[in-house]
């Protein structure tokens, strides 16, 4: 079965098998350089290079600049319209559906990659990419996804039509209420809709730190910030709470409090899927009728499950995972580990070593079409993570680094 990015020719596949391992600074004979060039282009752009681009990439590889060849492959529009779109889209919905339509979350990540921005800003910046004003596409809307679906359906080149703007100018959110992709409409629809807003933290951890809550379980942390909605004796057994529930919630709840003022508003009866809903944020002076504070009502649901549990009165967050076994996520010593609101909490997550390593791992799996397998792969990931940080968190560098590694590690069986 054909899969994009795989090489079709039997002769070409045989050439790959006999291609010797290549260091990043090693030059290659002409034919081997063309083999590696096509492999890199196929994996980065998902389509074969033109004859001209193949010649240019081959020349760069022959001159010991395989990374430059990989950067050249990223100029193909398919890198943005296909590779990046498919890479990002599963992060935007709970089902991890790669076929979901283009949206403001996906477009913003694509734009940030194109513009070589510091990728840590993806969880904190007042930033949004759209193509508003482009003929044939409706204007950006806070209550539907029509703008982005029109862009995708028209087949426009996302590498040229996307324009950087701010959420505060397009959505009306106060600048200090913006938090990168977490406060895009698409993220709000998926992770602020219903529930208790804990989903936003959980899926941010999964998509940007490559971990779910279960691996972060730590029974040694204090349970003082766990909310009222969590029973302390589920099924009548308090041991379940102490040994299972608390081990996740003792770290999750203090961080998720950063989302205390957010809600996704939609008409439950007329629009049960929330297709026409929009993000709401309670700014200073906006009081929720049910809580009597800026805190949205969802943060006080099921309060009788344990009336003595923690009551959220503001959006102050604290990172309890800086203590205990989860210190190994590599939290930044330049940050305090506490603050107010989603923006500063996003900075806390994005400045961890775990965040950087996660981006590299996701790119590796996307480009190499496999998971990390052995000590060589693990050493390569460590090196690429260090390079990613040193580059100022430029994701295009990671794609280039990974493509070169995957292509150069192919060798004949038994070597």
Protein backbone atom coordinates (compact mmCIF):
# COMPACT_ATOMS: atom_id res chain seq x y z
CA UNK A 1 0.00 0.00 0.00
CA UNK A 2 1.41 3.39 -0.96
CA UNK A 3 2.07 5.87 1.85
CA UNK A 4 3.14 9.48 1.23
CA UNK A 5 6.82 9.96 1.85
CA UNK A 6 7.77 6.36 1.06
CA UNK A 7 9.95 5.66 -1.96
CA UNK A 8 8.36 3.68 -4.73
CA UNK A 9 11.12 2.50 -7.05
CA UNK A 10 12.65 -0.89 -6.31
CA UNK A 11 15.96 0.34 -7.66
CA UNK A 12 15.78 3.39 -5.44
CA UNK A 13 14.98 1.27 -2.40
CA UNK A 14 17.99 -0.91 -3.19
CA UNK A 15 20.15 2.18 -3.41
CA UNK A 16 18.98 3.20 0.04
CA UNK A 17 19.94 -0.16 1.48
CA UNK A 18 23.51 0.18 0.34
CA UNK A 19 23.83 3.84 1.27
CA UNK A 20 26.53 4.00 3.96
CA UNK A 21 25.99 5.80 7.26
CA UNK A 22 26.59 9.53 6.87
CA UNK A 23 27.66 12.09 9.41
CA UNK A 24 26.19 15.58 9.15
CA UNK A 25 29.45 16.95 7.73
CA UNK A 26 30.33 14.13 5.32
CA UNK A 27 30.08 14.62 1.56
CA UNK A 28 28.75 11.94 -0.81
CA UNK A 29 29.35 10.80 -4.38
CA UNK A 30 26.88 12.27 -6.86
CA UNK A 31 24.52 9.29 -7.13
CA UNK A 32 24.36 8.69 -3.37
CA UNK A 33 23.78 12.40 -2.82
CA UNK A 34 20.74 12.27 -5.10
CA UNK A 35 19.43 9.25 -3.24
CA UNK A 36 19.69 11.05 0.08
CA UNK A 37 18.29 14.27 -1.36
CA UNK A 38 15.15 12.56 -2.63
CA UNK A 39 14.70 10.72 0.64
CA UNK A 40 14.96 13.96 2.64
CA UNK A 41 12.55 15.81 0.35
CA UNK A 42 10.01 12.98 0.41
CA UNK A 43 10.05 12.80 4.19
CA UNK A 44 9.85 16.58 4.73
CA UNK A 45 7.42 17.61 2.00
CA UNK A 46 5.67 14.30 1.34
CA UNK A 47 6.12 14.77 -2.42
CA UNK A 48 9.06 14.18 -4.80
CA UNK A 49 11.31 17.16 -5.56
CA UNK A 50 11.39 18.81 -8.96
CA UNK A 51 14.43 18.06 -11.11
CA UNK A 52 15.85 21.50 -10.32
CA UNK A 53 15.37 21.16 -6.56
CA UNK A 54 16.82 17.65 -6.61
CA UNK A 55 19.92 18.99 -8.36
CA UNK A 56 20.24 21.81 -5.85
CA UNK A 57 19.80 19.53 -2.84
CA UNK A 58 22.25 16.99 -4.26
CA UNK A 59 24.84 19.71 -4.77
CA UNK A 60 24.45 20.87 -1.18
CA UNK A 61 24.83 17.31 0.13
CA UNK A 62 27.93 16.78 -2.02
CA UNK A 63 29.34 19.90 -0.40
CA UNK A 64 28.70 18.50 3.10
CA UNK A 65 25.59 20.64 3.70
CA UNK A 66 22.82 18.08 4.16
CA UNK A 67 21.09 20.42 6.64
CA UNK A 68 20.97 23.10 3.95
CA UNK A 69 19.41 20.57 1.59
CA UNK A 70 16.75 19.79 4.18
CA UNK A 71 16.02 23.49 4.64
CA UNK A 72 15.59 23.78 0.87
CA UNK A 73 13.04 20.95 0.93
CA UNK A 74 10.99 22.98 3.43
CA UNK A 75 10.39 25.63 0.79
CA UNK A 76 7.98 23.28 -0.95
CA UNK A 77 4.38 24.40 -0.20
CA UNK A 78 3.47 20.80 0.67
CA UNK A 79 5.61 21.07 3.79
CA UNK A 80 3.08 23.60 5.11
CA UNK A 81 -0.15 22.45 3.47
CA UNK A 82 0.35 18.73 4.11
CA UNK A 83 3.21 17.81 6.44
CA UNK A 84 2.68 20.52 9.06
CA UNK A 85 -1.10 20.49 8.73
CA UNK A 86 -1.19 16.74 9.40
CA UNK A 87 1.41 17.08 12.16
CA UNK A 88 -0.53 19.69 14.12
CA UNK A 89 -4.19 18.81 13.48
CA UNK A 90 -4.37 15.87 15.96
CA UNK A 91 -3.36 18.23 18.78
CA UNK A 92 -6.48 20.32 18.21
CA UNK A 93 -9.14 17.79 19.19
CA UNK A 94 -9.68 15.15 21.85
CA UNK A 95 -10.00 12.38 19.26
CA UNK A 96 -6.57 13.24 17.78
CA UNK A 97 -8.29 13.24 14.38
CA UNK A 98 -5.74 14.00 11.67
CA UNK A 99 -8.55 14.70 9.19
CA UNK A 100 -10.15 17.55 11.16
CA UNK A 101 -10.48 20.80 9.16
CA UNK A 102 -7.88 23.52 9.23
CA UNK A 103 -8.52 25.86 12.17
CA UNK A 104 -6.92 28.78 14.02
CA UNK A 105 -4.85 26.48 16.28
CA UNK A 106 -3.35 24.60 13.32
CA UNK A 107 -2.83 27.73 11.21
CA UNK A 108 -1.09 29.50 14.09
CA UNK A 109 1.41 26.69 14.58
CA UNK A 110 2.06 26.53 10.83
CA UNK A 111 2.67 30.28 10.74
CA UNK A 112 5.01 30.16 13.72
CA UNK A 113 7.05 27.40 12.06
CA UNK A 114 7.21 29.30 8.77
CA UNK A 115 8.36 32.49 10.47
CA UNK A 116 11.00 30.72 12.59
CA UNK A 117 9.53 32.04 15.84
CA UNK A 118 10.59 30.84 19.27
CA UNK A 119 8.33 27.83 19.59
CA UNK A 120 7.94 28.25 23.35
CA UNK A 121 5.55 31.10 22.53
CA UNK A 122 3.04 28.52 21.28
CA UNK A 123 1.68 28.27 24.85
CA UNK A 124 1.80 31.91 25.88
CA UNK A 125 1.92 34.49 23.09
CA UNK A 126 -0.75 36.92 21.96
CA UNK A 127 -0.58 35.53 18.45
CA UNK A 128 -2.92 34.28 15.74
CA UNK A 129 -2.45 33.52 12.04
CA UNK A 130 -5.20 33.96 9.47
CA UNK A 131 -5.62 35.08 5.88
CA UNK A 132 -8.32 37.66 6.53
CA UNK A 133 -9.01 39.82 3.51
CA UNK A 134 -8.06 37.10 1.06
CA UNK A 135 -10.50 36.90 -1.82
CA UNK A 136 -13.03 34.12 -1.46
CA UNK A 137 -12.50 33.53 2.26
CA UNK A 138 -14.84 34.98 4.88
CA UNK A 139 -13.27 37.04 7.63
CA UNK A 140 -12.00 35.42 10.80
CA UNK A 141 -14.84 34.77 13.20
CA UNK A 142 -14.89 34.06 16.93
CA UNK A 143 -18.03 31.94 16.51
CA UNK A 144 -17.30 29.62 13.57
CA UNK A 145 -14.47 28.02 11.60
CA UNK A 146 -15.63 29.11 8.15
CA UNK A 147 -12.55 31.24 7.45
CA UNK A 148 -10.11 28.35 7.78
CA UNK A 149 -12.29 25.79 6.07
CA UNK A 150 -12.53 28.12 3.06
CA UNK A 151 -8.75 28.47 2.99
CA UNK A 152 -8.28 24.72 3.04
CA UNK A 153 -10.98 24.01 0.47
CA UNK A 154 -9.51 26.55 -1.93
CA UNK A 155 -6.11 24.84 -1.82
CA UNK A 156 -4.29 28.09 -1.13
CA UNK A 157 -0.59 27.96 -0.30
CA UNK A 158 -0.45 28.35 3.48
CA UNK A 159 3.22 29.29 3.29
CA UNK A 160 2.25 32.56 1.60
CA UNK A 161 -1.31 33.48 2.59
CA UNK A 162 -1.09 33.23 6.39
CA UNK A 163 -0.49 36.55 8.12
CA UNK A 164 0.59 37.00 11.71
CA UNK A 165 -1.73 39.02 13.93
CA UNK A 166 -2.80 39.00 17.57
CA UNK A 167 -5.67 37.29 19.35
CA UNK A 168 -6.38 40.49 21.23
CA UNK A 169 -7.01 42.39 17.98
CA UNK A 170 -9.08 39.67 16.28
CA UNK A 171 -10.99 38.12 19.19
CA UNK A 172 -11.29 40.90 21.76
CA UNK A 173 -9.43 38.98 24.45
CA UNK A 174 -7.29 41.15 26.68
CA UNK A 175 -3.61 40.64 25.84
CA UNK A 176 -2.91 39.20 29.29
CA UNK A 177 -5.72 36.66 28.79
CA UNK A 178 -4.11 35.20 25.66
CA UNK A 179 -2.00 32.05 25.94
CA UNK A 180 -0.92 30.96 22.50
CA UNK A 181 -2.82 28.03 21.03
CA UNK A 182 -4.54 27.32 24.36
CA UNK A 183 -6.76 30.37 23.82
CA UNK A 184 -7.52 29.81 20.15
CA UNK A 185 -11.14 29.13 19.27
CA UNK A 186 -10.33 25.57 18.16
CA UNK A 187 -8.68 24.71 21.47
CA UNK A 188 -11.52 26.28 23.43
CA UNK A 189 -14.10 24.27 21.47
CA UNK A 190 -12.24 21.03 22.17
CA UNK A 191 -10.93 21.52 25.70
CA UNK A 192 -12.96 24.30 27.42
CA UNK A 193 -16.35 23.00 26.22
CA UNK A 194 -18.28 21.59 29.22
CA UNK A 195 -16.30 19.79 31.92
CA UNK A 196 -14.10 21.59 34.43
CA UNK A 197 -11.32 22.96 32.16
CA UNK A 198 -8.96 20.26 33.43
CA UNK A 199 -9.08 18.86 29.88
CA UNK A 200 -7.14 21.86 28.62
CA UNK A 201 -4.25 21.04 30.93
CA UNK A 202 -4.37 17.32 30.23
CA UNK A 203 -4.33 17.65 26.44
CA UNK A 204 -1.70 20.40 26.59
CA UNK A 205 0.51 17.99 28.52
CA UNK A 206 -0.18 15.22 26.01
CA UNK A 207 0.39 17.36 22.94
CA UNK A 208 3.24 19.59 24.11
CA UNK A 209 5.03 17.63 26.83
CA UNK A 210 4.32 14.15 25.42
CA UNK A 211 2.93 12.82 28.67
CA UNK A 212 -0.49 11.98 30.03
CA UNK A 213 -1.35 12.33 33.71
CA UNK A 214 -0.79 8.70 34.61
CA UNK A 215 3.03 8.86 34.24
CA UNK A 216 3.02 11.95 36.50
CA UNK A 217 1.33 10.20 39.44
CA UNK A 218 2.99 11.14 42.73
CA UNK A 219 1.38 10.25 46.05
CA UNK A 220 3.95 12.29 48.00
CA UNK A 221 2.48 15.69 47.07
CA UNK A 222 -0.04 17.48 49.31
CA UNK A 223 -3.73 17.21 48.25
CA UNK A 224 -4.68 20.65 49.57
CA UNK A 225 -5.65 22.12 46.15
CA UNK A 226 -7.90 19.27 45.00
CA UNK A 227 -11.38 20.65 44.30
CA UNK A 228 -14.72 19.84 45.90
CA UNK A 229 -16.01 17.86 42.90
CA UNK A 230 -13.67 14.95 43.55
CA UNK A 231 -15.03 12.43 46.04
CA UNK A 232 -12.60 11.46 48.80
CA UNK A 233 -14.23 8.03 49.06
CA UNK A 234 -15.11 6.87 45.53
CA UNK A 235 -17.16 3.72 45.78
CA UNK A 236 -17.04 4.13 49.55
CA UNK A 237 -13.29 3.40 49.67
CA UNK A 238 -11.04 6.29 50.72
CA UNK A 239 -7.96 4.28 49.74
CA UNK A 240 -8.88 4.71 46.07
CA UNK A 241 -8.68 8.48 46.48
CA UNK A 242 -5.41 8.40 48.43
CA UNK A 243 -3.62 5.91 46.20
CA UNK A 244 -5.05 6.76 42.79
CA UNK A 245 -7.14 9.93 42.37
CA UNK A 246 -5.01 12.20 44.53
CA UNK A 247 -1.79 11.08 42.85
CA UNK A 248 -2.86 12.89 39.65
CA UNK A 249 -5.10 15.66 40.97
CA UNK A 250 -2.60 16.93 43.56
CA UNK A 251 -0.45 18.23 40.69
CA UNK A 252 -3.11 18.79 38.04
CA UNK A 253 -5.58 20.92 40.01
CA UNK A 254 -3.09 23.60 41.14
CA UNK A 255 -1.98 24.07 37.52
CA UNK A 256 -5.44 23.89 35.91
CA UNK A 257 -6.58 26.72 38.19
CA UNK A 258 -4.91 29.00 35.61
CA UNK A 259 -8.04 28.48 33.47
CA UNK A 260 -10.49 29.64 36.15
CA UNK A 261 -11.89 32.58 34.13
CA UNK A 262 -12.45 30.76 30.81
CA UNK A 263 -15.58 29.18 29.34
CA UNK A 264 -16.76 28.03 25.92
CA UNK A 265 -20.26 29.38 25.35
CA UNK A 266 -22.68 27.65 22.98
CA UNK A 267 -26.36 26.82 22.65
CA UNK A 268 -26.70 23.31 24.07
CA UNK A 269 -30.12 22.69 22.50
CA UNK A 270 -29.69 24.26 19.05
CA UNK A 271 -25.99 23.54 18.64
CA UNK A 272 -25.04 20.54 20.82
CA UNK A 273 -21.61 20.14 19.19
CA UNK A 274 -20.77 23.79 19.79
CA UNK A 275 -19.95 24.47 16.14
CA UNK A 276 -21.04 28.09 16.55
CA UNK A 277 -19.83 28.65 20.08
CA UNK A 278 -17.08 30.98 21.21
CA UNK A 279 -14.50 31.46 23.91
CA UNK A 280 -15.47 33.65 26.85
CA UNK A 281 -13.11 35.15 29.42
CA UNK A 282 -14.19 36.99 32.55
CA UNK A 283 -12.07 40.12 32.67
CA UNK A 284 -11.61 42.35 35.69
CA UNK A 285 -15.05 43.44 36.89
CA UNK A 286 -16.97 40.66 35.11
CA UNK A 287 -18.69 38.58 37.77
CA UNK A 288 -20.19 35.14 37.25
CA UNK A 289 -23.75 35.03 38.58
CA UNK A 290 -23.30 31.60 40.16
CA UNK A 291 -19.91 32.04 41.81
CA UNK A 292 -20.06 35.74 42.68
CA UNK A 293 -16.47 36.07 41.41
CA UNK A 294 -14.65 36.08 38.07
CA UNK A 295 -14.41 32.28 38.34
CA UNK A 296 -16.71 30.55 35.84
CA UNK A 297 -19.51 28.35 37.16
CA UNK A 298 -17.99 25.10 35.88
CA UNK A 299 -15.32 25.37 38.57
CA UNK A 300 -17.95 24.96 41.31
CA UNK A 301 -19.87 21.99 39.92
CA UNK A 302 -20.52 18.98 42.16
CA UNK A 303 -19.36 20.94 45.19
CA UNK A 304 -21.25 18.61 47.53
CA UNK A 305 -19.08 15.65 46.55
CA UNK A 306 -16.64 16.89 49.18
CA UNK A 307 -17.65 20.28 50.66
CA UNK A 308 -14.32 20.59 52.46
CA UNK A 309 -12.35 20.45 49.22
CA UNK A 310 -10.55 23.41 47.69
CA UNK A 311 -12.70 26.29 46.43
CA UNK A 312 -11.30 28.26 43.48
CA UNK A 313 -11.59 32.02 43.96
CA UNK A 314 -9.04 33.23 41.41
CA UNK A 315 -6.69 32.00 38.67
CA UNK A 316 -3.57 31.58 40.79
CA UNK A 317 -1.64 28.48 39.75
CA UNK A 318 1.24 26.63 41.37
CA UNK A 319 3.43 23.89 39.94
CA UNK A 320 3.56 21.21 42.62
CA UNK A 321 5.45 19.00 40.16
CA UNK A 322 8.59 21.02 40.82
CA UNK A 323 8.87 18.80 43.88
CA UNK A 324 8.93 15.01 44.02
CA UNK A 325 9.56 12.63 41.16
CA UNK A 326 8.39 15.06 38.46
CA UNK A 327 11.33 17.36 38.99
CA UNK A 328 12.82 15.30 36.17
CA UNK A 329 10.67 17.16 33.66
CA UNK A 330 13.38 19.82 33.79
CA UNK A 331 11.58 22.92 35.06
CA UNK A 332 13.28 26.24 34.40
CA UNK A 333 15.16 27.69 37.36
CA UNK A 334 14.60 31.16 35.91
CA UNK A 335 10.87 30.89 36.65
CA UNK A 336 9.20 30.86 40.05
CA UNK A 337 6.81 27.97 39.49
CA UNK A 338 3.69 29.99 40.34
CA UNK A 339 1.67 32.85 38.94
CA UNK A 340 -1.73 34.01 37.75
CA UNK A 341 -3.51 33.01 34.56
CA UNK A 342 -2.95 30.80 31.54
CA UNK A 343 -0.22 32.91 29.94
CA UNK A 344 2.32 32.53 32.74
CA UNK A 345 1.34 28.89 33.26
CA UNK A 346 2.00 28.26 29.56
CA UNK A 347 5.44 29.81 29.98
CA UNK A 348 6.10 27.43 32.87
CA UNK A 349 5.29 24.40 30.71
CA UNK A 350 7.11 25.62 27.60
CA UNK A 351 10.34 26.41 29.40
CA UNK A 352 10.74 22.87 30.68
CA UNK A 353 13.24 20.45 29.18
CA UNK A 354 10.33 18.06 28.68
CA UNK A 355 8.65 20.53 26.32
CA UNK A 356 11.74 20.80 24.13
CA UNK A 357 12.28 17.03 24.08
CA UNK A 358 8.62 16.47 23.19
CA UNK A 359 8.78 18.67 20.09
CA UNK A 360 11.86 16.78 18.90
CA UNK A 361 10.21 13.41 19.55
CA UNK A 362 7.08 14.40 17.60
CA UNK A 363 9.14 15.60 14.65
CA UNK A 364 11.24 12.43 14.77
CA UNK A 365 8.17 10.20 14.57
CA UNK A 366 6.67 12.34 11.81
CA UNK A 367 9.79 12.40 9.63
CA UNK A 368 11.32 9.00 10.38
CA UNK A 369 7.88 7.30 10.34
CA UNK A 370 8.80 5.27 13.41
CA UNK A 371 9.33 5.63 17.12
CA UNK A 372 12.70 5.83 18.85
CA UNK A 373 14.18 2.34 18.82
CA UNK A 374 17.66 2.11 20.29
CA UNK A 375 20.52 3.88 22.04
CA UNK A 376 21.63 5.58 18.80
CA UNK A 377 18.16 7.10 18.40
CA UNK A 378 18.09 8.21 22.02
CA UNK A 379 21.50 9.85 21.73
CA UNK A 380 20.36 11.56 18.53
CA UNK A 381 17.23 12.88 20.25
CA UNK A 382 19.30 14.30 23.09
CA UNK A 383 21.61 16.01 20.60
CA UNK A 384 18.69 17.35 18.56
CA UNK A 385 16.96 18.63 21.69
CA UNK A 386 20.13 20.48 22.67
CA UNK A 387 20.33 21.91 19.15
CA UNK A 388 16.67 22.94 19.28
CA UNK A 389 17.19 24.86 22.51
CA UNK A 390 20.43 26.43 21.27
CA UNK A 391 18.73 27.57 18.05
CA UNK A 392 16.21 29.63 20.00
CA UNK A 393 13.54 26.91 19.71
CA UNK A 394 13.26 26.99 15.91
CA UNK A 395 11.19 23.99 14.80
CA UNK A 396 12.39 24.06 11.18
CA UNK A 397 15.88 23.26 12.47
CA UNK A 398 14.45 20.14 14.13
CA UNK A 399 12.81 18.96 10.90
CA UNK A 400 16.10 19.43 9.06
CA UNK A 401 18.18 17.76 11.75
CA UNK A 402 15.80 14.81 11.94
CA UNK A 403 15.52 14.29 8.18
CA UNK A 404 19.30 14.19 7.83
CA UNK A 405 19.62 11.74 10.72
CA UNK A 406 16.94 9.41 9.34
CA UNK A 407 18.45 9.41 5.87
CA UNK A 408 22.04 8.99 6.98
CA UNK A 409 21.36 6.15 9.40
CA UNK A 410 20.22 3.80 6.63
CA UNK A 411 22.82 1.14 5.89
CA UNK A 412 23.14 -2.32 4.46
CA UNK A 413 21.79 -5.20 6.56
CA UNK A 414 24.37 -6.62 8.92
CA UNK A 415 26.46 -3.46 9.14
